[in-house]
Amino acid sequence: MAVRTRSRHRKGSADRTGGMVTLVDAFGLAVMVLIHTAVVAVMTRFFRVRLTTRWGGFLYAVLICPVVLFGLTLFFSGVLGLGPNLQSAGVVIGLVIVLPAVAGITFDYFWMPSPDEVDLPERWDDDRPSRYDQP
């Protein structure tokens, strides 16, 4: 009596849905993650500069940035077709929303100087005429 075992690998089929990620898909995912990180860093800086409260900028960044990243993810992956099929909503949320949000907020809070530490000139010294001045 011969015991017949089943292989979990399909023989002779090249199924793309569960296969490897192509180089173009990996590049598209990397572009999405980098753009999302830059968007979160700029939004966090904007909130830190505009809000005068101590925790306001951080709370706005934590609450608003993921919503913006969700919209950008829908745009990049749906309209533009960037990135691979990650097979799981949890992986998409973790890799395309949470990771860039944490990286962008960390970049702004720990690498960039605080908005209070940046010295800005009182007046902009420029000899060019302003387009808003009336002749």
N, C-alpha and C. Protein backbone atom coordinates (compact mmCIF):
# COMPACT_ATOMS: atom_id res chain seq x y z
N MET A 1 0.83 -1.17 0.00
CA MET A 1 0.00 0.00 0.00
C MET A 1 0.89 1.25 0.00
N ALA A 2 0.75 2.05 -1.02
CA ALA A 2 1.56 3.25 -1.17
C ALA A 2 0.81 4.45 -0.59
N VAL A 3 1.51 5.23 0.17
CA VAL A 3 0.93 6.44 0.75
C VAL A 3 1.18 7.58 -0.23
N ARG A 4 0.11 8.20 -0.60
CA ARG A 4 0.22 9.30 -1.56
C ARG A 4 0.17 10.63 -0.80
N THR A 5 1.19 11.42 -0.96
CA THR A 5 1.23 12.73 -0.29
C THR A 5 0.97 13.80 -1.33
N ARG A 6 0.37 14.85 -0.87
CA ARG A 6 0.08 15.99 -1.75
C ARG A 6 1.12 17.07 -1.52
N SER A 7 1.61 17.59 -2.59
CA SER A 7 2.54 18.70 -2.52
C SER A 7 1.73 19.99 -2.44
N ARG A 8 2.19 20.90 -1.65
CA ARG A 8 1.48 22.18 -1.56
C ARG A 8 1.87 23.11 -2.70
N HIS A 9 2.85 22.73 -3.48
CA HIS A 9 3.27 23.53 -4.62
C HIS A 9 2.59 23.02 -5.88
N ARG A 10 2.14 23.92 -6.67
CA ARG A 10 1.55 23.55 -7.95
C ARG A 10 2.66 23.28 -8.95
N LYS A 11 2.47 22.26 -9.69
CA LYS A 11 3.48 21.92 -10.70
C LYS A 11 3.04 22.45 -12.04
N GLY A 12 3.96 23.12 -12.69
CA GLY A 12 3.70 23.56 -14.05
C GLY A 12 2.81 24.77 -14.18
N SER A 13 2.61 25.53 -13.13
CA SER A 13 1.76 26.72 -13.25
C SER A 13 2.56 27.94 -12.79
N ALA A 14 2.33 29.00 -13.46
CA ALA A 14 2.97 30.27 -13.10
C ALA A 14 1.88 31.22 -12.65
N ASP A 15 1.41 31.04 -11.44
CA ASP A 15 0.33 31.86 -10.90
C ASP A 15 0.92 33.15 -10.36
N ARG A 16 0.50 34.27 -10.89
CA ARG A 16 1.04 35.58 -10.51
C ARG A 16 0.45 36.09 -9.20
N THR A 17 -0.72 35.67 -8.82
CA THR A 17 -1.38 36.26 -7.65
C THR A 17 -0.66 35.94 -6.35
N GLY A 18 -0.06 34.80 -6.23
CA GLY A 18 0.62 34.47 -4.98
C GLY A 18 2.12 34.40 -5.15
N GLY A 19 2.63 34.86 -6.30
CA GLY A 19 4.04 34.73 -6.61
C GLY A 19 4.88 35.86 -6.04
N MET A 20 6.06 35.98 -6.59
CA MET A 20 7.00 36.97 -6.12
C MET A 20 6.62 38.37 -6.61
N VAL A 21 7.11 39.33 -5.91
CA VAL A 21 6.88 40.72 -6.27
C VAL A 21 7.92 41.10 -7.33
N THR A 22 7.47 41.78 -8.35
CA THR A 22 8.41 42.20 -9.39
C THR A 22 9.17 43.43 -8.93
N LEU A 23 10.22 43.75 -9.65
CA LEU A 23 11.04 44.90 -9.32
C LEU A 23 10.24 46.20 -9.46
N VAL A 24 9.38 46.26 -10.45
CA VAL A 24 8.55 47.46 -10.66
C VAL A 24 7.58 47.64 -9.49
N ASP A 25 6.99 46.54 -9.01
CA ASP A 25 6.08 46.62 -7.86
C ASP A 25 6.82 47.07 -6.61
N ALA A 26 8.02 46.54 -6.38
CA ALA A 26 8.81 46.94 -5.22
C ALA A 26 9.21 48.40 -5.31
N PHE A 27 9.57 48.86 -6.50
CA PHE A 27 9.91 50.27 -6.69
C PHE A 27 8.69 51.16 -6.44
N GLY A 28 7.53 50.75 -6.91
CA GLY A 28 6.31 51.52 -6.67
C GLY A 28 5.96 51.60 -5.19
N LEU A 29 6.15 50.50 -4.48
CA LEU A 29 5.90 50.50 -3.03
C LEU A 29 6.89 51.41 -2.31
N ALA A 30 8.16 51.37 -2.72
CA ALA A 30 9.17 52.24 -2.10
C ALA A 30 8.87 53.71 -2.37
N VAL A 31 8.40 54.03 -3.57
CA VAL A 31 8.03 55.41 -3.89
C VAL A 31 6.85 55.85 -3.02
N MET A 32 5.86 54.98 -2.86
CA MET A 32 4.71 55.32 -2.01
C MET A 32 5.14 55.58 -0.57
N VAL A 33 6.00 54.73 -0.03
CA VAL A 33 6.45 54.88 1.35
C VAL A 33 7.25 56.17 1.51
N LEU A 34 8.13 56.48 0.57
CA LEU A 34 8.92 57.71 0.66
C LEU A 34 8.06 58.96 0.54
N ILE A 35 7.11 58.96 -0.38
CA ILE A 35 6.22 60.12 -0.53
C ILE A 35 5.35 60.28 0.71
N HIS A 36 4.84 59.20 1.24
CA HIS A 36 4.02 59.27 2.46
C HIS A 36 4.83 59.79 3.63
N THR A 37 6.09 59.35 3.76
CA THR A 37 6.94 59.83 4.84
C THR A 37 7.18 61.33 4.71
N ALA A 38 7.45 61.80 3.49
CA ALA A 38 7.68 63.23 3.28
C ALA A 38 6.41 64.04 3.57
N VAL A 39 5.26 63.55 3.17
CA VAL A 39 4.00 64.25 3.44
C VAL A 39 3.76 64.37 4.94
N VAL A 40 3.99 63.30 5.67
CA VAL A 40 3.78 63.34 7.12
C VAL A 40 4.78 64.28 7.78
N ALA A 41 6.03 64.28 7.35
CA ALA A 41 7.03 65.19 7.93
C ALA A 41 6.65 66.65 7.69
N VAL A 42 6.18 66.98 6.49
CA VAL A 42 5.79 68.36 6.19
C VAL A 42 4.54 68.74 6.97
N MET A 43 3.56 67.83 7.05
CA MET A 43 2.35 68.13 7.81
C MET A 43 2.65 68.31 9.30
N THR A 44 3.53 67.49 9.83
CA THR A 44 3.90 67.61 11.25
C THR A 44 4.60 68.94 11.50
N ARG A 45 5.49 69.34 10.60
CA ARG A 45 6.17 70.63 10.75
C ARG A 45 5.17 71.77 10.69
N PHE A 46 4.22 71.69 9.76
CA PHE A 46 3.20 72.73 9.64
C PHE A 46 2.39 72.83 10.93
N PHE A 47 1.97 71.69 11.49
CA PHE A 47 1.20 71.72 12.73
C PHE A 47 2.03 72.27 13.89
N ARG A 48 3.30 71.93 13.94
CA ARG A 48 4.15 72.43 15.03
C ARG A 48 4.37 73.94 14.93
N VAL A 49 4.47 74.45 13.69
CA VAL A 49 4.70 75.88 13.51
C VAL A 49 3.43 76.68 13.77
N ARG A 50 2.30 76.20 13.29
CA ARG A 50 1.06 76.97 13.36
C ARG A 50 0.34 76.88 14.70
N LEU A 51 0.46 75.77 15.41
CA LEU A 51 -0.24 75.62 16.69
C LEU A 51 0.68 76.01 17.82
N THR A 52 0.14 76.76 18.77
CA THR A 52 0.97 77.27 19.85
C THR A 52 0.93 76.39 21.10
N THR A 53 0.09 75.38 21.11
CA THR A 53 0.01 74.51 22.28
C THR A 53 1.15 73.50 22.26
N ARG A 54 1.41 72.92 23.41
CA ARG A 54 2.52 71.98 23.52
C ARG A 54 2.22 70.65 22.82
N TRP A 55 1.02 70.12 23.01
CA TRP A 55 0.66 68.82 22.44
C TRP A 55 -0.20 68.93 21.19
N GLY A 56 -0.59 70.12 20.80
CA GLY A 56 -1.49 70.29 19.67
C GLY A 56 -0.93 69.77 18.36
N GLY A 57 0.32 70.10 18.06
CA GLY A 57 0.93 69.65 16.82
C GLY A 57 1.03 68.15 16.74
N PHE A 58 1.41 67.52 17.84
CA PHE A 58 1.53 66.06 17.85
C PHE A 58 0.17 65.39 17.70
N LEU A 59 -0.84 65.90 18.42
CA LEU A 59 -2.17 65.29 18.32
C LEU A 59 -2.77 65.45 16.92
N TYR A 60 -2.60 66.63 16.34
CA TYR A 60 -3.09 66.82 14.98
C TYR A 60 -2.36 65.90 14.01
N ALA A 61 -1.05 65.75 14.18
CA ALA A 61 -0.27 64.86 13.31
C ALA A 61 -0.73 63.42 13.45
N VAL A 62 -0.99 62.98 14.66
CA VAL A 62 -1.40 61.59 14.88
C VAL A 62 -2.83 61.34 14.38
N LEU A 63 -3.68 62.33 14.47
CA LEU A 63 -5.08 62.14 14.08
C LEU A 63 -5.36 62.43 12.61
N ILE A 64 -4.69 63.41 12.02
CA ILE A 64 -5.00 63.83 10.66
C ILE A 64 -4.12 63.16 9.62
N CYS A 65 -2.85 62.95 9.92
CA CYS A 65 -1.93 62.37 8.94
C CYS A 65 -2.36 60.98 8.44
N PRO A 66 -2.80 60.06 9.30
CA PRO A 66 -3.24 58.76 8.77
C PRO A 66 -4.42 58.86 7.81
N VAL A 67 -5.31 59.81 8.02
CA VAL A 67 -6.44 59.99 7.11
C VAL A 67 -5.94 60.46 5.74
N VAL A 68 -4.99 61.38 5.74
CA VAL A 68 -4.41 61.86 4.49
C VAL A 68 -3.65 60.73 3.80
N LEU A 69 -2.91 59.94 4.57
CA LEU A 69 -2.17 58.82 3.99
C LEU A 69 -3.11 57.77 3.40
N PHE A 70 -4.24 57.56 4.04
CA PHE A 70 -5.23 56.63 3.49
C PHE A 70 -5.72 57.11 2.13
N GLY A 71 -6.02 58.39 2.03
CA GLY A 71 -6.44 58.96 0.75
C GLY A 71 -5.35 58.87 -0.31
N LEU A 72 -4.09 59.14 0.08
CA LEU A 72 -2.98 59.02 -0.86
C LEU A 72 -2.77 57.57 -1.29
N THR A 73 -2.97 56.63 -0.36
CA THR A 73 -2.83 55.22 -0.70
C THR A 73 -3.88 54.82 -1.73
N LEU A 74 -5.11 55.27 -1.53
CA LEU A 74 -6.16 54.98 -2.52
C LEU A 74 -5.81 55.58 -3.89
N PHE A 75 -5.25 56.78 -3.87
CA PHE A 75 -4.89 57.43 -5.13
C PHE A 75 -3.74 56.69 -5.83
N PHE A 76 -2.66 56.43 -5.08
CA PHE A 76 -1.48 55.80 -5.69
C PHE A 76 -1.75 54.37 -6.14
N SER A 77 -2.41 53.59 -5.30
CA SER A 77 -2.61 52.18 -5.65
C SER A 77 -3.81 51.98 -6.56
N GLY A 78 -4.82 52.83 -6.45
CA GLY A 78 -6.01 52.66 -7.27
C GLY A 78 -5.92 53.37 -8.60
N VAL A 79 -5.71 54.67 -8.57
CA VAL A 79 -5.71 55.46 -9.79
C VAL A 79 -4.42 55.26 -10.59
N LEU A 80 -3.27 55.35 -9.90
CA LEU A 80 -1.99 55.22 -10.59
C LEU A 80 -1.51 53.77 -10.72
N GLY A 81 -2.04 52.89 -9.90
CA GLY A 81 -1.66 51.48 -9.98
C GLY A 81 -0.27 51.16 -9.48
N LEU A 82 0.26 51.95 -8.55
CA LEU A 82 1.59 51.69 -8.00
C LEU A 82 1.52 50.65 -6.90
N GLY A 83 2.60 49.94 -6.72
CA GLY A 83 2.72 49.00 -5.61
C GLY A 83 2.16 47.63 -5.91
N PRO A 84 2.64 46.64 -5.16
CA PRO A 84 2.19 45.26 -5.37
C PRO A 84 0.90 44.96 -4.63
N ASN A 85 0.34 43.81 -4.92
CA ASN A 85 -0.81 43.31 -4.16
C ASN A 85 -0.25 42.67 -2.90
N LEU A 86 -0.45 43.28 -1.76
CA LEU A 86 0.14 42.80 -0.51
C LEU A 86 -0.69 41.72 0.17
N GLN A 87 -1.84 41.36 -0.38
CA GLN A 87 -2.67 40.23 0.06
C GLN A 87 -3.34 40.41 1.42
N SER A 88 -3.10 41.51 2.12
CA SER A 88 -3.68 41.69 3.44
C SER A 88 -3.87 43.17 3.73
N ALA A 89 -5.02 43.50 4.26
CA ALA A 89 -5.27 44.90 4.64
C ALA A 89 -4.37 45.33 5.80
N GLY A 90 -4.06 44.40 6.69
CA GLY A 90 -3.19 44.72 7.82
C GLY A 90 -1.78 45.06 7.38
N VAL A 91 -1.28 44.35 6.38
CA VAL A 91 0.05 44.65 5.85
C VAL A 91 0.05 46.01 5.17
N VAL A 92 -0.99 46.31 4.43
CA VAL A 92 -1.08 47.62 3.77
C VAL A 92 -1.11 48.74 4.79
N ILE A 93 -1.93 48.60 5.82
CA ILE A 93 -2.01 49.63 6.85
C ILE A 93 -0.68 49.78 7.57
N GLY A 94 -0.04 48.68 7.89
CA GLY A 94 1.23 48.75 8.59
C GLY A 94 2.36 49.30 7.76
N LEU A 95 2.43 48.89 6.50
CA LEU A 95 3.57 49.24 5.66
C LEU A 95 3.41 50.58 4.94
N VAL A 96 2.19 50.96 4.61
CA VAL A 96 1.98 52.15 3.80
C VAL A 96 1.39 53.31 4.61
N ILE A 97 0.85 53.04 5.78
CA ILE A 97 0.27 54.12 6.58
C ILE A 97 1.02 54.30 7.91
N VAL A 98 1.14 53.24 8.70
CA VAL A 98 1.74 53.36 10.03
C VAL A 98 3.24 53.63 9.95
N LEU A 99 3.97 52.86 9.14
CA LEU A 99 5.42 53.04 9.04
C LEU A 99 5.80 54.45 8.57
N PRO A 100 5.22 54.98 7.48
CA PRO A 100 5.56 56.35 7.09
C PRO A 100 5.10 57.40 8.11
N ALA A 101 3.98 57.17 8.78
CA ALA A 101 3.52 58.13 9.79
C ALA A 101 4.51 58.20 10.94
N VAL A 102 4.94 57.05 11.43
CA VAL A 102 5.91 57.03 12.53
C VAL A 102 7.24 57.62 12.08
N ALA A 103 7.69 57.27 10.87
CA ALA A 103 8.97 57.79 10.38
C ALA A 103 8.91 59.30 10.15
N GLY A 104 7.82 59.82 9.60
CA GLY A 104 7.71 61.25 9.35
C GLY A 104 7.61 62.07 10.63
N ILE A 105 6.83 61.60 11.59
CA ILE A 105 6.72 62.30 12.87
C ILE A 105 8.04 62.25 13.61
N THR A 106 8.70 61.09 13.60
CA THR A 106 10.00 60.96 14.26
C THR A 106 11.03 61.86 13.60
N PHE A 107 11.02 61.92 12.28
CA PHE A 107 11.94 62.79 11.55
C PHE A 107 11.76 64.24 11.98
N ASP A 108 10.54 64.71 12.08
CA ASP A 108 10.31 66.11 12.42
C ASP A 108 10.63 66.40 13.88
N TYR A 109 10.25 65.52 14.79
CA TYR A 109 10.44 65.80 16.21
C TYR A 109 11.88 65.58 16.69
N PHE A 110 12.60 64.63 16.11
CA PHE A 110 13.91 64.31 16.65
C PHE A 110 15.07 64.76 15.78
N TRP A 111 14.86 64.99 14.49
CA TRP A 111 15.96 65.39 13.64
C TRP A 111 15.93 66.88 13.32
N MET A 112 14.76 67.43 13.06
CA MET A 112 14.63 68.85 12.73
C MET A 112 14.65 69.68 14.01
N PRO A 113 15.16 70.90 13.94
CA PRO A 113 15.12 71.74 15.13
C PRO A 113 13.69 72.19 15.46
N SER A 114 13.48 72.48 16.70
CA SER A 114 12.17 72.96 17.14
C SER A 114 11.87 74.30 16.47
N PRO A 115 10.60 74.58 16.17
CA PRO A 115 10.28 75.87 15.54
C PRO A 115 10.70 77.07 16.40
N ASP A 116 10.78 76.90 17.71
CA ASP A 116 11.20 78.00 18.58
C ASP A 116 12.69 78.29 18.47
N GLU A 117 13.48 77.31 18.05
CA GLU A 117 14.93 77.47 17.96
C GLU A 117 15.39 78.08 16.65
N VAL A 118 14.51 78.21 15.67
CA VAL A 118 14.88 78.76 14.37
C VAL A 118 14.75 80.27 14.41
N ASP A 119 15.84 80.96 14.08
CA ASP A 119 15.83 82.42 14.07
C ASP A 119 15.44 82.92 12.68
N LEU A 120 14.42 83.74 12.64
CA LEU A 120 13.96 84.33 11.39
C LEU A 120 14.23 85.83 11.43
N PRO A 121 14.53 86.43 10.30
CA PRO A 121 14.79 87.88 10.30
C PRO A 121 13.50 88.65 10.58
N GLU A 122 13.66 89.80 11.20
CA GLU A 122 12.52 90.66 11.48
C GLU A 122 11.92 91.20 10.19
N ARG A 123 12.79 91.53 9.26
CA ARG A 123 12.35 92.12 8.01
C ARG A 123 13.13 91.48 6.88
N TRP A 124 12.48 91.27 5.76
CA TRP A 124 13.13 90.70 4.61
C TRP A 124 13.77 91.83 3.82
N ASP A 125 15.10 91.84 3.74
CA ASP A 125 15.82 92.88 3.00
C ASP A 125 16.00 92.44 1.56
N ASP A 126 15.19 93.02 0.72
CA ASP A 126 15.23 92.68 -0.69
C ASP A 126 14.96 93.95 -1.49
N ASP A 127 15.79 94.19 -2.47
CA ASP A 127 15.66 95.42 -3.26
C ASP A 127 14.67 95.28 -4.42
N ARG A 128 14.21 94.08 -4.67
CA ARG A 128 13.26 93.90 -5.76
C ARG A 128 11.90 94.49 -5.40
N PRO A 129 11.23 95.07 -6.37
CA PRO A 129 9.89 95.62 -6.07
C PRO A 129 8.89 94.48 -5.83
N SER A 130 8.02 94.71 -4.93
CA SER A 130 7.00 93.73 -4.61
C SER A 130 5.87 93.85 -5.62
N ARG A 131 5.30 92.73 -5.98
CA ARG A 131 4.18 92.77 -6.91
C ARG A 131 2.90 93.27 -6.26
N TYR A 132 2.93 93.36 -4.94
CA TYR A 132 1.73 93.82 -4.22
C TYR A 132 1.74 95.32 -3.96
N ASP A 133 2.89 95.96 -4.18
CA ASP A 133 2.95 97.42 -4.02
C ASP A 133 2.25 98.09 -5.18
N GLN A 134 1.48 99.09 -4.86
CA GLN A 134 0.76 99.84 -5.88
C GLN A 134 1.69 100.89 -6.48
N PRO A 135 1.77 100.99 -7.83
CA PRO A 135 2.64 102.02 -8.44
C PRO A 135 2.09 103.40 -8.32
